[in-house]
Amino acid sequence: MLNHIQKSACALTVVLATAALPALAESIDVRVIGTISPTACTPTLAGGGTIDYGTIKPTSLSADAYTLLDEKQVEFTITCDAPAKIAVQVVNQRVGSLAGSTNETSSGGTAPAGPNVFGSANMGAAGLGLDGTVKIGGYGIRLATGTMLADGVAVDSIQSNGNTTSWAKTEYGSLLNSTSTRYSSWATTGTATPVAFTTLSGQLGVQAYINKASELDLTKPIALDGLTTLELVYL
């Protein structure tokens, strides 16, 4: 409260001092504005980014184990109006809904043992939403290594966790990570330094798993509701 009074008094003093000065001529301000912006790049996912698993029969679900669904892939592209070095980071929009995990954050969580998302244990994953208070399942998301082309040339997928300086080649290309923000980029084959490009293309893969049937109310329809936002980072 004392700070507020002092600030008010100071403002009042300025007003009084200004009022005591002779009248000034009319004036006009000159403003200089603008924006320094990096090269503009646009990401695109085929089909608008919707991965549709269609209708899943309850009888296909395991009662006491997670049920792994097939991986689905869609075309992913980044188009820039000039060569640029780009990384991708993700924001998990369904925090707290990853079945079998308690370490899920906005950058992802860790899939439980059993489903082996993308053929690997402990893969990064995000939740498929909630049915009431019950976790429906989870899914991994990756930019499939071996499919990525920068300006038509095959490139290695590289990643850095928590920063954009320490890059290493990645085997799986998973975009999700439970401990820190994961940055994914691309490098000339055999190197680990992000390369500039105007067009990047490849396949984005998603593989989901469903919670144990014994945990779900299968007497009614349950809608899978996973949502992850991909963001471009200019390096």
Foldseek 3Di string as FASTA:
>chain_A
DVVVVVVVVVVVVVVVVVVPDDDDDDDDDDDDDDDDDDWDKDKDWPPRPDDDPDDDDLVQFAQAAKAWDDKDKIKMKMATPDWFFKWKWKFWPAFPQAPPFDLQDRQFTFHAPDRCAVVHHRATWHFQHDDVNHRWHIKWKFFAAPFKDFVRHHWFKWKDFADDPDIDGDHGRTNGDRPGIMIIATHHPPDGHTGIGRMMMGMMMMMIITDRSNRDDPVDDDDGHTDMDMDMDTD
